[in-house]
PDB file of N, CA and C in Angstrom:
ATOM      1  N   MET A   1      10.114 -14.446 -18.507  1.00  0.00           N
ATOM      2  CA  MET A   1       8.713 -13.862 -18.991  1.00  0.00           C
ATOM      3  C   MET A   1       7.637 -14.082 -18.226  1.00  0.00           C
ATOM      4  N   ARG A   2       7.830 -14.998 -17.508  1.00  0.00           N
ATOM      5  CA  ARG A   2       6.658 -15.546 -16.639  1.00  0.00           C
ATOM      6  C   ARG A   2       6.192 -14.713 -15.486  1.00  0.00           C
ATOM      7  N   GLU A   3       7.440 -13.878 -15.012  1.00  0.00           N
ATOM      8  CA  GLU A   3       7.066 -12.941 -13.815  1.00  0.00           C
ATOM      9  C   GLU A   3       6.354 -11.740 -14.608  1.00  0.00           C
ATOM     10  N   PHE A   4       6.877 -11.298 -15.551  1.00  0.00           N
ATOM     11  CA  PHE A   4       6.153 -10.142 -16.413  1.00  0.00           C
ATOM     12  C   PHE A   4       4.843 -10.320 -16.871  1.00  0.00           C
ATOM     13  N   VAL A   5       4.296 -11.714 -17.216  1.00  0.00           N
ATOM     14  CA  VAL A   5       3.201 -12.037 -17.670  1.00  0.00           C
ATOM     15  C   VAL A   5       2.267 -12.035 -16.314  1.00  0.00           C
ATOM     16  N   LYS A   6       2.761 -12.517 -15.147  1.00  0.00           N
ATOM     17  CA  LYS A   6       2.167 -12.513 -13.893  1.00  0.00           C
ATOM     18  C   LYS A   6       1.650 -11.129 -13.360  1.00  0.00           C
ATOM     19  N   VAL A   7       2.581 -10.169 -13.457  1.00  0.00           N
ATOM     20  CA  VAL A   7       2.369  -9.012 -13.183  1.00  0.00           C
ATOM     21  C   VAL A   7       1.347  -8.042 -14.176  1.00  0.00           C
ATOM     22  N   MET A   8       1.127  -8.475 -15.536  1.00  0.00           N
ATOM     23  CA  MET A   8       0.328  -7.903 -16.367  1.00  0.00           C
ATOM     24  C   MET A   8      -1.025  -8.570 -16.394  1.00  0.00           C
ATOM     25  N   LYS A   9      -1.129  -9.833 -16.033  1.00  0.00           N
ATOM     26  CA  LYS A   9      -2.233 -10.399 -15.738  1.00  0.00           C
ATOM     27  C   LYS A   9      -3.063  -9.910 -14.777  1.00  0.00           C
ATOM     28  N   ALA A  10      -2.007  -9.407 -13.509  1.00  0.00           N
ATOM     29  CA  ALA A  10      -2.831  -9.117 -12.181  1.00  0.00           C
ATOM     30  C   ALA A  10      -3.166  -7.598 -12.468  1.00  0.00           C
ATOM     31  N   LEU A  11      -2.549  -6.947 -13.088  1.00  0.00           N
ATOM     32  CA  LEU A  11      -2.965  -5.518 -13.565  1.00  0.00           C
ATOM     33  C   LEU A  11      -4.229  -5.365 -14.559  1.00  0.00           C
ATOM     34  N   SER A  12      -4.577  -6.448 -15.029  1.00  0.00           N
ATOM     35  CA  SER A  12      -5.649  -6.371 -16.234  1.00  0.00           C
ATOM     36  C   SER A  12      -6.931  -6.272 -15.495  1.00  0.00           C
ATOM     37  N   ASP A  13      -7.157  -6.513 -14.393  1.00  0.00           N
ATOM     38  CA  ASP A  13      -8.604  -6.459 -13.737  1.00  0.00           C
ATOM     39  C   ASP A  13      -8.497  -4.994 -12.946  1.00  0.00           C
ATOM     40  N   PRO A  14      -9.794  -4.193 -13.449  1.00  0.00           N
ATOM     41  CA  PRO A  14     -10.164  -3.069 -12.743  1.00  0.00           C
ATOM     42  C   PRO A  14     -10.197  -2.659 -11.366  1.00  0.00           C
ATOM     43  N   SER A  15     -10.619  -3.778 -10.769  1.00  0.00           N
ATOM     44  CA  SER A  15     -10.810  -4.122  -9.280  1.00  0.00           C
ATOM     45  C   SER A  15      -9.125  -4.200  -8.470  1.00  0.00           C
ATOM     46  N   ARG A  16      -8.443  -4.943  -9.230  1.00  0.00           N
ATOM     47  CA  ARG A  16      -6.975  -4.955  -8.655  1.00  0.00           C
ATOM     48  C   ARG A  16      -6.358  -3.643  -8.776  1.00  0.00           C
ATOM     49  N   VAL A  17      -6.727  -3.062  -9.957  1.00  0.00           N
ATOM     50  CA  VAL A  17      -6.048  -1.576  -9.921  1.00  0.00           C
ATOM     51  C   VAL A  17      -6.524  -0.660  -8.925  1.00  0.00           C
ATOM     52  N   LYS A  18      -7.778  -0.855  -8.950  1.00  0.00           N
ATOM     53  CA  LYS A  18      -8.452   0.003  -7.860  1.00  0.00           C
ATOM     54  C   LYS A  18      -7.676  -0.152  -6.281  1.00  0.00           C
ATOM     55  N   ILE A  19      -7.447  -1.503  -6.002  1.00  0.00           N
ATOM     56  CA  ILE A  19      -6.781  -1.775  -4.625  1.00  0.00           C
ATOM     57  C   ILE A  19      -5.410  -1.148  -4.752  1.00  0.00           C
ATOM     58  N   LEU A  20      -4.736  -1.480  -5.590  1.00  0.00           N
ATOM     59  CA  LEU A  20      -3.258  -0.508  -5.565  1.00  0.00           C
ATOM     60  C   LEU A  20      -3.307   0.638  -5.634  1.00  0.00           C
ATOM     61  N   LYS A  21      -4.405   1.592  -6.238  1.00  0.00           N
ATOM     62  CA  LYS A  21      -4.552   2.814  -6.140  1.00  0.00           C
ATOM     63  C   LYS A  21      -4.946   3.300  -4.631  1.00  0.00           C
ATOM     64  N   MET A  22      -5.774   2.446  -4.129  1.00  0.00           N
ATOM     65  CA  MET A  22      -6.105   2.638  -2.516  1.00  0.00           C
ATOM     66  C   MET A  22      -4.723   2.711  -1.683  1.00  0.00           C
ATOM     67  N   LEU A  23      -3.901   1.437  -1.925  1.00  0.00           N
ATOM     68  CA  LEU A  23      -3.018   0.936  -1.102  1.00  0.00           C
ATOM     69  C   LEU A  23      -1.728   1.744  -1.219  1.00  0.00           C
ATOM     70  N   GLU A  24      -1.645   2.913  -2.385  1.00  0.00           N
ATOM     71  CA  GLU A  24      -0.695   3.827  -2.346  1.00  0.00           C
ATOM     72  C   GLU A  24      -1.006   4.747  -1.269  1.00  0.00           C
ATOM     73  N   ARG A  25      -2.194   5.132  -1.029  1.00  0.00           N
ATOM     74  CA  ARG A  25      -2.313   6.019   0.391  1.00  0.00           C
ATOM     75  C   ARG A  25      -1.908   5.202   1.559  1.00  0.00           C
ATOM     76  N   ASP A  26      -2.202   4.228   1.976  1.00  0.00           N
ATOM     77  CA  ASP A  26      -1.983   3.682   3.484  1.00  0.00           C
ATOM     78  C   ASP A  26      -2.223   1.834   3.112  1.00  0.00           C
ATOM     79  N   SER A  27      -1.778   1.358   4.190  1.00  0.00           N
ATOM     80  CA  SER A  27      -2.208   0.110   4.262  1.00  0.00           C
ATOM     81  C   SER A  27      -3.581  -0.095   4.677  1.00  0.00           C
ATOM     82  N   MET A  28      -4.105  -1.340   4.173  1.00  0.00           N
ATOM     83  CA  MET A  28      -5.359  -1.514   4.563  1.00  0.00           C
ATOM     84  C   MET A  28      -5.636  -3.055   4.828  1.00  0.00           C
ATOM     85  N   CYS A  29      -7.111  -3.230   5.776  1.00  0.00           N
ATOM     86  CA  CYS A  29      -7.304  -4.689   6.037  1.00  0.00           C
ATOM     87  C   CYS A  29      -8.319  -5.150   4.645  1.00  0.00           C
ATOM     88  N   VAL A  30      -8.594  -6.053   4.614  1.00  0.00           N
ATOM     89  CA  VAL A  30      -9.760  -6.528   3.794  1.00  0.00           C
ATOM     90  C   VAL A  30     -10.986  -5.992   4.109  1.00  0.00           C
ATOM     91  N   CYS A  31     -11.163  -5.817   5.048  1.00  0.00           N
ATOM     92  CA  CYS A  31     -12.733  -5.321   5.350  1.00  0.00           C
ATOM     93  C   CYS A  31     -12.981  -4.057   4.892  1.00  0.00           C
ATOM     94  N   GLU A  32     -11.679  -3.178   5.143  1.00  0.00           N
ATOM     95  CA  GLU A  32     -11.600  -1.732   4.447  1.00  0.00           C
ATOM     96  C   GLU A  32     -11.749  -1.811   2.903  1.00  0.00           C
ATOM     97  N   LEU A  33     -11.051  -2.674   2.198  1.00  0.00           N
ATOM     98  CA  LEU A  33     -11.063  -2.630   0.939  1.00  0.00           C
ATOM     99  C   LEU A  33     -12.437  -3.048   0.491  1.00  0.00           C
ATOM    100  N   GLU A  34     -13.032  -4.250   1.238  1.00  0.00           N
ATOM    101  CA  GLU A  34     -14.278  -4.325   1.008  1.00  0.00           C
ATOM    102  C   GLU A  34     -15.469  -3.513   0.757  1.00  0.00           C
ATOM    103  N   CYS A  35     -15.403  -2.844   1.977  1.00  0.00           N
ATOM    104  CA  CYS A  35     -16.288  -1.480   2.222  1.00  0.00           C
ATOM    105  C   CYS A  35     -16.089  -0.491   0.803  1.00  0.00           C
ATOM    106  N   ALA A  36     -15.008  -0.284   0.362  1.00  0.00           N
ATOM    107  CA  ALA A  36     -14.660   0.898  -0.187  1.00  0.00           C
ATOM    108  C   ALA A  36     -15.018   0.194  -1.808  1.00  0.00           C
ATOM    109  N   LEU A  37     -14.949  -0.967  -2.025  1.00  0.00           N
ATOM    110  CA  LEU A  37     -15.375  -1.349  -3.583  1.00  0.00           C
ATOM    111  C   LEU A  37     -16.500  -1.887  -3.486  1.00  0.00           C
ATOM    112  N   GLY A  38     -17.128  -2.067  -2.507  1.00  0.00           N
ATOM    113  CA  GLY A  38     -18.437  -2.981  -2.470  1.00  0.00           C
ATOM    114  C   GLY A  38     -18.615  -4.032  -3.002  1.00  0.00           C
ATOM    115  N   LEU A  39     -17.589  -4.858  -2.825  1.00  0.00           N
ATOM    116  CA  LEU A  39     -17.397  -6.275  -2.921  1.00  0.00           C
ATOM    117  C   LEU A  39     -17.527  -7.028  -2.001  1.00  0.00           C
ATOM    118  N   ALA A  40     -17.672  -8.561  -2.148  1.00  0.00           N
ATOM    119  CA  ALA A  40     -17.840  -9.428  -0.999  1.00  0.00           C
ATOM    120  C   ALA A  40     -16.262  -9.505  -0.793  1.00  0.00           C
ATOM    121  N   GLN A  41     -16.262 -10.170   0.521  1.00  0.00           N
ATOM    122  CA  GLN A  41     -14.706 -10.492   1.293  1.00  0.00           C
ATOM    123  C   GLN A  41     -14.202 -11.681   0.228  1.00  0.00           C
ATOM    124  N   PRO A  42     -14.816 -12.445   0.117  1.00  0.00           N
ATOM    125  CA  PRO A  42     -14.046 -13.686  -0.800  1.00  0.00           C
ATOM    126  C   PRO A  42     -13.436 -13.091  -2.245  1.00  0.00           C
ATOM    127  N   THR A  43     -14.208 -12.309  -2.583  1.00  0.00           N
ATOM    128  CA  THR A  43     -13.711 -11.282  -3.919  1.00  0.00           C
ATOM    129  C   THR A  43     -12.696 -10.489  -3.796  1.00  0.00           C
ATOM    130  N   VAL A  44     -12.568 -10.026  -2.666  1.00  0.00           N
ATOM    131  CA  VAL A  44     -11.483  -8.888  -2.452  1.00  0.00           C
ATOM    132  C   VAL A  44      -9.918 -10.007  -2.100  1.00  0.00           C
ATOM    133  N   SER A  45     -10.421 -10.833  -1.316  1.00  0.00           N
ATOM    134  CA  SER A  45      -9.276 -11.765  -0.969  1.00  0.00           C
ATOM    135  C   SER A  45      -8.570 -12.304  -2.176  1.00  0.00           C
ATOM    136  N   LYS A  46      -9.450 -12.922  -2.975  1.00  0.00           N
ATOM    137  CA  LYS A  46      -9.098 -13.506  -4.223  1.00  0.00           C
ATOM    138  C   LYS A  46      -8.133 -12.448  -4.841  1.00  0.00           C
ATOM    139  N   HIS A  47      -8.649 -11.327  -5.208  1.00  0.00           N
ATOM    140  CA  HIS A  47      -7.791 -10.138  -5.901  1.00  0.00           C
ATOM    141  C   HIS A  47      -6.650  -9.889  -5.159  1.00  0.00           C
ATOM    142  N   LEU A  48      -6.678 -10.098  -3.608  1.00  0.00           N
ATOM    143  CA  LEU A  48      -5.311  -9.589  -2.897  1.00  0.00           C
ATOM    144  C   LEU A  48      -4.597 -10.809  -3.093  1.00  0.00           C
ATOM    145  N   LYS A  49      -4.880 -12.104  -3.371  1.00  0.00           N
ATOM    146  CA  LYS A  49      -4.044 -13.160  -3.792  1.00  0.00           C
ATOM    147  C   LYS A  49      -3.245 -13.028  -4.910  1.00  0.00           C
ATOM    148  N   VAL A  50      -4.057 -12.680  -5.826  1.00  0.00           N
ATOM    149  CA  VAL A  50      -3.423 -12.409  -7.189  1.00  0.00           C
ATOM    150  C   VAL A  50      -2.282 -11.286  -7.432  1.00  0.00           C
ATOM    151  N   LEU A  51      -2.583 -10.390  -6.664  1.00  0.00           N
ATOM    152  CA  LEU A  51      -1.930  -9.329  -6.595  1.00  0.00           C
ATOM    153  C   LEU A  51      -0.838  -9.768  -5.605  1.00  0.00           C
ATOM    154  N   GLU A  52      -0.475 -10.460  -4.811  1.00  0.00           N
ATOM    155  CA  GLU A  52       0.382 -10.849  -3.749  1.00  0.00           C
ATOM    156  C   GLU A  52       1.283 -11.728  -4.820  1.00  0.00           C
ATOM    157  N   GLU A  53       0.593 -12.773  -5.148  1.00  0.00           N
ATOM    158  CA  GLU A  53       1.601 -13.777  -6.391  1.00  0.00           C
ATOM    159  C   GLU A  53       2.157 -13.092  -7.240  1.00  0.00           C
ATOM    160  N   ALA A  54       1.649 -11.841  -7.750  1.00  0.00           N
ATOM    161  CA  ALA A  54       2.626 -11.037  -8.764  1.00  0.00           C
ATOM    162  C   ALA A  54       3.333 -10.323  -8.278  1.00  0.00           C
ATOM    163  N   GLY A  55       3.523 -10.240  -6.980  1.00  0.00           N
ATOM    164  CA  GLY A  55       4.564  -9.349  -6.536  1.00  0.00           C
ATOM    165  C   GLY A  55       4.229  -7.736  -5.994  1.00  0.00           C
ATOM    166  N   LEU A  56       2.937  -7.611  -6.259  1.00  0.00           N
ATOM    167  CA  LEU A  56       2.405  -6.017  -6.447  1.00  0.00           C
ATOM    168  C   LEU A  56       2.135  -5.666  -4.883  1.00  0.00           C
ATOM    169  N   VAL A  57       1.858  -6.741  -3.806  1.00  0.00           N
ATOM    170  CA  VAL A  57       1.216  -6.363  -2.674  1.00  0.00           C
ATOM    171  C   VAL A  57       1.964  -7.349  -1.668  1.00  0.00           C
ATOM    172  N   ALA A  58       1.913  -6.845  -0.542  1.00  0.00           N
ATOM    173  CA  ALA A  58       2.276  -7.532   0.601  1.00  0.00           C
ATOM    174  C   ALA A  58       1.587  -7.526   1.738  1.00  0.00           C
ATOM    175  N   TYR A  59       1.991  -8.459   2.882  1.00  0.00           N
ATOM    176  CA  TYR A  59       0.840  -8.092   4.065  1.00  0.00           C
ATOM    177  C   TYR A  59       1.693  -8.448   5.244  1.00  0.00           C
ATOM    178  N   GLN A  60       1.213  -7.662   6.381  1.00  0.00           N
ATOM    179  CA  GLN A  60       1.781  -8.061   7.831  1.00  0.00           C
ATOM    180  C   GLN A  60       0.752  -8.270   8.396  1.00  0.00           C
ATOM    181  N   LYS A  61       0.881  -8.880   9.792  1.00  0.00           N
ATOM    182  CA  LYS A  61      -0.081  -9.487  10.314  1.00  0.00           C
ATOM    183  C   LYS A  61       0.315  -8.563  11.457  1.00  0.00           C
ATOM    184  N   ASP A  62      -0.966  -8.130  12.268  1.00  0.00           N
ATOM    185  CA  ASP A  62      -0.860  -7.246  13.445  1.00  0.00           C
ATOM    186  C   ASP A  62      -1.907  -7.737  14.469  1.00  0.00           C
ATOM    187  N   GLY A  63      -1.706  -8.629  15.332  1.00  0.00           N
ATOM    188  CA  GLY A  63      -2.548  -9.083  16.107  1.00  0.00           C
ATOM    189  C   GLY A  63      -3.777  -9.958  15.433  1.00  0.00           C
ATOM    190  N   LEU A  64      -4.861  -9.304  15.628  1.00  0.00           N
ATOM    191  CA  LEU A  64      -5.985 -10.127  14.619  1.00  0.00           C
ATOM    192  C   LEU A  64      -6.192  -9.667  13.094  1.00  0.00           C
ATOM    193  N   TRP A  65      -5.367  -8.531  12.955  1.00  0.00           N
ATOM    194  CA  TRP A  65      -5.660  -7.783  11.684  1.00  0.00           C
ATOM    195  C   TRP A  65      -4.251  -8.149  10.740  1.00  0.00           C
ATOM    196  N   VAL A  66      -4.749  -8.173   9.514  1.00  0.00           N
ATOM    197  CA  VAL A  66      -3.791  -8.469   8.364  1.00  0.00           C
ATOM    198  C   VAL A  66      -3.879  -7.180   7.828  1.00  0.00           C
ATOM    199  N   ASN A  67      -2.861  -6.625   7.530  1.00  0.00           N
ATOM    200  CA  ASN A  67      -2.676  -5.083   6.775  1.00  0.00           C
ATOM    201  C   ASN A  67      -1.957  -5.632   5.375  1.00  0.00           C
ATOM    202  N   TYR A  68      -2.914  -5.208   4.632  1.00  0.00           N
ATOM    203  CA  TYR A  68      -2.096  -5.275   2.854  1.00  0.00           C
ATOM    204  C   TYR A  68      -1.543  -3.944   2.837  1.00  0.00           C
ATOM    205  N   MET A  69      -0.297  -4.130   1.912  1.00  0.00           N
ATOM    206  CA  MET A  69       0.287  -2.620   1.320  1.00  0.00           C
ATOM    207  C   MET A  69       0.937  -3.014   0.383  1.00  0.00           C
ATOM    208  N   LEU A  70       1.582  -1.864  -0.584  1.00  0.00           N
ATOM    209  CA  LEU A  70       2.225  -2.156  -1.759  1.00  0.00           C
ATOM    210  C   LEU A  70       3.604  -2.693  -1.445  1.00  0.00           C
ATOM    211  N   ALA A  71       3.828  -3.817  -2.383  1.00  0.00           N
ATOM    212  CA  ALA A  71       4.947  -4.569  -2.078  1.00  0.00           C
ATOM    213  C   ALA A  71       6.406  -3.797  -2.600  1.00  0.00           C
ATOM    214  N   ASP A  72       7.357  -4.195  -1.939  1.00  0.00           N
ATOM    215  CA  ASP A  72       8.686  -3.247  -1.977  1.00  0.00           C
ATOM    216  C   ASP A  72       9.041  -3.218  -3.616  1.00  0.00           C
ATOM    217  N   GLY A  73       8.503  -4.595  -4.165  1.00  0.00           N
ATOM    218  CA  GLY A  73       9.515  -4.799  -5.261  1.00  0.00           C
ATOM    219  C   GLY A  73      10.450  -5.405  -5.320  1.00  0.00           C
ATOM    220  N   LYS A  74      11.149  -6.165  -4.349  1.00  0.00           N
ATOM    221  CA  LYS A  74      12.361  -6.727  -3.968  1.00  0.00           C
ATOM    222  C   LYS A  74      12.102  -8.298  -4.539  1.00  0.00           C
ATOM    223  N   ARG A  75      10.932  -8.651  -4.746  1.00  0.00           N
ATOM    224  CA  ARG A  75      10.771 -10.125  -5.440  1.00  0.00           C
ATOM    225  C   ARG A  75      10.554 -10.238  -6.734  1.00  0.00           C
ATOM    226  N   ASN A  76      10.097  -9.058  -7.360  1.00  0.00           N
ATOM    227  CA  ASN A  76       9.731  -8.651  -8.774  1.00  0.00           C
ATOM    228  C   ASN A  76      10.211  -7.433  -9.104  1.00  0.00           C
ATOM    229  N   ASP A  77      11.441  -7.280 -10.211  1.00  0.00           N
ATOM    230  CA  ASP A  77      11.610  -6.048 -10.828  1.00  0.00           C
ATOM    231  C   ASP A  77      10.314  -5.375 -11.675  1.00  0.00           C
ATOM    232  N   TYR A  78       9.552  -6.568 -12.370  1.00  0.00           N
ATOM    233  CA  TYR A  78       8.610  -5.645 -13.129  1.00  0.00           C
ATOM    234  C   TYR A  78       7.318  -5.059 -12.081  1.00  0.00           C
ATOM    235  N   ALA A  79       7.240  -5.718 -11.052  1.00  0.00           N
ATOM    236  CA  ALA A  79       6.016  -5.104 -10.195  1.00  0.00           C
ATOM    237  C   ALA A  79       6.587  -3.979  -9.733  1.00  0.00           C
ATOM    238  N   LYS A  80       8.013  -3.904  -9.321  1.00  0.00           N
ATOM    239  CA  LYS A  80       8.511  -2.516  -8.981  1.00  0.00           C
ATOM    240  C   LYS A  80       8.321  -1.526  -9.903  1.00  0.00           C
ATOM    241  N   ARG A  81       8.666  -1.669 -11.167  1.00  0.00           N
ATOM    242  CA  ARG A  81       8.532  -0.779 -12.266  1.00  0.00           C
ATOM    243  C   ARG A  81       6.889  -0.594 -12.186  1.00  0.00           C
ATOM    244  N   MET A  82       6.229  -1.391 -12.587  1.00  0.00           N
ATOM    245  CA  MET A  82       4.823  -1.091 -12.648  1.00  0.00           C
ATOM    246  C   MET A  82       4.365  -0.018 -11.558  1.00  0.00           C
ATOM    247  N   LEU A  83       4.565  -0.783 -10.103  1.00  0.00           N
ATOM    248  CA  LEU A  83       4.162   0.160  -8.870  1.00  0.00           C
ATOM    249  C   LEU A  83       4.720   1.673  -9.256  1.00  0.00           C
ATOM    250  N   GLY A  84       5.888   1.852  -9.405  1.00  0.00           N
ATOM    251  CA  GLY A  84       6.629   3.232  -9.746  1.00  0.00           C
ATOM    252  C   GLY A  84       5.440   3.943 -10.706  1.00  0.00           C
ATOM    253  N   ASN A  85       5.372   3.264 -11.722  1.00  0.00           N
ATOM    254  CA  ASN A  85       4.678   4.006 -13.134  1.00  0.00           C
ATOM    255  C   ASN A  85       3.009   4.327 -12.390  1.00  0.00           C
ATOM    256  N   LEU A  86       2.580   3.424 -11.793  1.00  0.00           N
ATOM    257  CA  LEU A  86       1.003   3.321 -11.375  1.00  0.00           C
ATOM    258  C   LEU A  86       0.860   4.418 -10.551  1.00  0.00           C
ATOM    259  N   LYS A  87       1.818   5.110  -9.463  1.00  0.00           N
ATOM    260  CA  LYS A  87       1.798   6.219  -8.833  1.00  0.00           C
ATOM    261  C   LYS A  87       1.218   7.431  -9.579  1.00  0.00           C
ATOM    262  N   LYS A  88       1.681   7.425 -10.850  1.00  0.00           N
ATOM    263  CA  LYS A  88       1.819   8.739 -11.525  1.00  0.00           C
ATOM    264  C   LYS A  88       0.411   8.537 -12.625  1.00  0.00           C
ATOM    265  N   TRP A  89       0.073   7.414 -12.530  1.00  0.00           N
ATOM    266  CA  TRP A  89      -1.302   7.051 -13.666  1.00  0.00           C
ATOM    267  C   TRP A  89      -2.468   7.019 -12.912  1.00  0.00           C
ATOM    268  N   LEU A  90      -3.811   7.233 -13.273  1.00  0.00           N
ATOM    269  CA  LEU A  90      -4.928   7.394 -13.282  1.00  0.00           C
ATOM    270  C   LEU A  90      -5.581   8.048 -11.837  1.00  0.00           C
ATOM    271  N   ASN A  91      -4.543   9.095 -11.588  1.00  0.00           N
ATOM    272  CA  ASN A  91      -5.026   9.739 -10.456  1.00  0.00           C
ATOM    273  C   ASN A  91      -6.211  10.757 -10.571  1.00  0.00           C
ATOM    274  N   GLU A  92      -6.400  10.943 -11.931  1.00  0.00           N
ATOM    275  CA  GLU A  92      -7.382  11.892 -12.566  1.00  0.00           C
ATOM    276  C   GLU A  92      -8.832  11.072 -12.692  1.00  0.00           C
ATOM    277  N   GLU A  93      -8.738   9.766 -12.956  1.00  0.00           N
ATOM    278  CA  GLU A  93      -9.759   9.056 -13.144  1.00  0.00           C
ATOM    279  C   GLU A  93     -10.825   9.335 -12.179  1.00  0.00           C
ATOM    280  N   SER A  94     -12.249   9.309 -12.674  1.00  0.00           N
ATOM    281  CA  SER A  94     -13.159   9.621 -11.471  1.00  0.00           C
ATOM    282  C   SER A  94     -13.386   8.556 -10.837  1.00  0.00           C
ATOM    283  N   GLU A  95     -13.452   7.150 -11.266  1.00  0.00           N
ATOM    284  CA  GLU A  95     -13.436   6.363 -10.152  1.00  0.00           C
ATOM    285  C   GLU A  95     -12.474   6.025  -9.295  1.00  0.00           C
ATOM    286  N   VAL A  96     -11.452   6.380  -9.632  1.00  0.00           N
ATOM    287  CA  VAL A  96     -10.347   6.324  -8.563  1.00  0.00           C
ATOM    288  C   VAL A  96     -10.251   7.566  -7.590  1.00  0.00           C
ATOM    289  N   ARG A  97     -10.632   8.911  -7.977  1.00  0.00           N
ATOM    290  CA  ARG A  97     -10.765  10.290  -6.974  1.00  0.00           C
ATOM    291  C   ARG A  97     -11.856   9.740  -6.155  1.00  0.00           C
ATOM    292  N   THR A  98     -13.096   8.902  -6.644  1.00  0.00           N
ATOM    293  CA  THR A  98     -14.043   8.818  -5.823  1.00  0.00           C
ATOM    294  C   THR A  98     -13.642   7.908  -4.709  1.00  0.00           C
ATOM    295  N   LEU A  99     -12.918   6.673  -4.690  1.00  0.00           N
ATOM    296  CA  LEU A  99     -12.335   5.832  -3.983  1.00  0.00           C
ATOM    297  C   LEU A  99     -11.371   6.334  -3.150  1.00  0.00           C
ATOM    298  N   VAL A 100     -10.622   7.450  -3.538  1.00  0.00           N
ATOM    299  CA  VAL A 100      -9.614   7.950  -2.566  1.00  0.00           C
ATOM    300  C   VAL A 100     -10.155   8.987  -1.504  1.00  0.00           C
ATOM    301  N   GLU A 101     -11.079   9.430  -2.039  1.00  0.00           N
ATOM    302  CA  GLU A 101     -11.871  10.605  -1.390  1.00  0.00           C
ATOM    303  C   GLU A 101     -12.618   9.771  -0.243  1.00  0.00           C
ATOM    304  N   LYS A 102     -13.089   8.647  -0.506  1.00  0.00           N
ATOM    305  CA  LYS A 102     -13.970   7.930   0.531  1.00  0.00           C
ATOM    306  C   LYS A 102     -13.038   7.159   1.575  1.00  0.00           C
ATOM    307  N   LEU A 103     -11.812   7.049   1.281  1.00  0.00           N
ATOM    308  CA  LEU A 103     -10.927   6.563   2.583  1.00  0.00           C
ATOM    309  C   LEU A 103     -10.889   6.917   3.608  1.00  0.00           C
ATOM    310  N   PRO A 104     -10.945   8.016   3.900  1.00  0.00           N
ATOM    311  CA  PRO A 104     -10.752   8.667   5.524  1.00  0.00           C
ATOM    312  C   PRO A 104     -12.137   8.573   5.831  1.00  0.00           C
ATOM    313  N   GLU A 105     -13.089   8.135   5.485  1.00  0.00           N
ATOM    314  CA  GLU A 105     -14.384   8.133   6.501  1.00  0.00           C
ATOM    315  C   GLU A 105     -14.491   6.519   6.627  1.00  0.00           C
ATOM    316  N   ILE A 106     -13.685   5.554   6.254  1.00  0.00           N
ATOM    317  CA  ILE A 106     -13.765   4.102   6.210  1.00  0.00           C
ATOM    318  C   ILE A 106     -12.848   3.970   7.703  1.00  0.00           C
ATOM    319  N   ASP A 107     -13.606   3.371   8.592  1.00  0.00           N
ATOM    320  CA  ASP A 107     -13.000   2.998   9.813  1.00  0.00           C
ATOM    321  C   ASP A 107     -13.206   1.477  10.039  1.00  0.00           C
ATOM    322  N   ARG A 108     -12.139   1.063  10.189  1.00  0.00           N
ATOM    323  CA  ARG A 108     -12.092  -0.449  10.504  1.00  0.00           C
ATOM    324  C   ARG A 108     -12.747  -1.030  11.511  1.00  0.00           C
ATOM    325  N   ALA A 109     -12.601  -0.312  12.902  1.00  0.00           N
ATOM    326  CA  ALA A 109     -13.285  -1.020  14.029  1.00  0.00           C
ATOM    327  C   ALA A 109     -14.756  -0.811  13.811  1.00  0.00           C
ATOM    328  N   LYS A 110     -15.586   0.097  12.969  1.00  0.00           N
ATOM    329  CA  LYS A 110     -16.812   0.264  13.108  1.00  0.00           C
ATOM    330  C   LYS A 110     -17.486  -0.985  11.760  1.00  0.00           C
ATOM    331  N   ILE A 111     -16.528  -1.026  10.847  1.00  0.00           N
ATOM    332  CA  ILE A 111     -16.883  -1.955   9.996  1.00  0.00           C
ATOM    333  C   ILE A 111     -16.892  -3.491  10.586  1.00  0.00           C
ATOM    334  N   CYS A 112     -15.883  -3.975  11.266  1.00  0.00           N
ATOM    335  CA  CYS A 112     -15.713  -5.065  11.840  1.00  0.00           C
ATOM    336  C   CYS A 112     -16.701  -5.469  12.940  1.00  0.00           C
ATOM    337  N   ARG A 113     -17.283  -4.243  13.454  1.00  0.00           N
ATOM    338  CA  ARG A 113     -18.292  -4.573  14.608  1.00  0.00           C
ATOM    339  C   ARG A 113     -19.567  -4.799  14.180  1.00  0.00           C
ATOM    340  N   LYS A 114     -19.646  -4.998  12.864  1.00  0.00           N
ATOM    341  CA  LYS A 114     -21.200  -5.078  12.066  1.00  0.00           C
ATOM    342  C   LYS A 114     -21.785  -6.506  12.891  1.00  0.00           C
TER     343      LYS A 114
END
């Protein structure tokens, strides 16, 4: 039951759900997520940590970059099932659509050169 509750708690925050919806499209770094959500870097990092601990998000280091992506679900069957369902949910929500439409304009090289 502990793993189920961890997944449910991770999904109880709107910002974390938005992060998952963005990661459905492509892997992203913290600075890209920060730009898209309009949140501070520590806040985004905290959300990613909660999602990672619940088995919903994984990361891969690529030189100086850390790319976050949806987890494959091997660690937690509840996470796998929720990610599968989430792909079908909320796509018509205005907040989600706005975020997804904004993604092609976000360029990590430009953001990180600030």
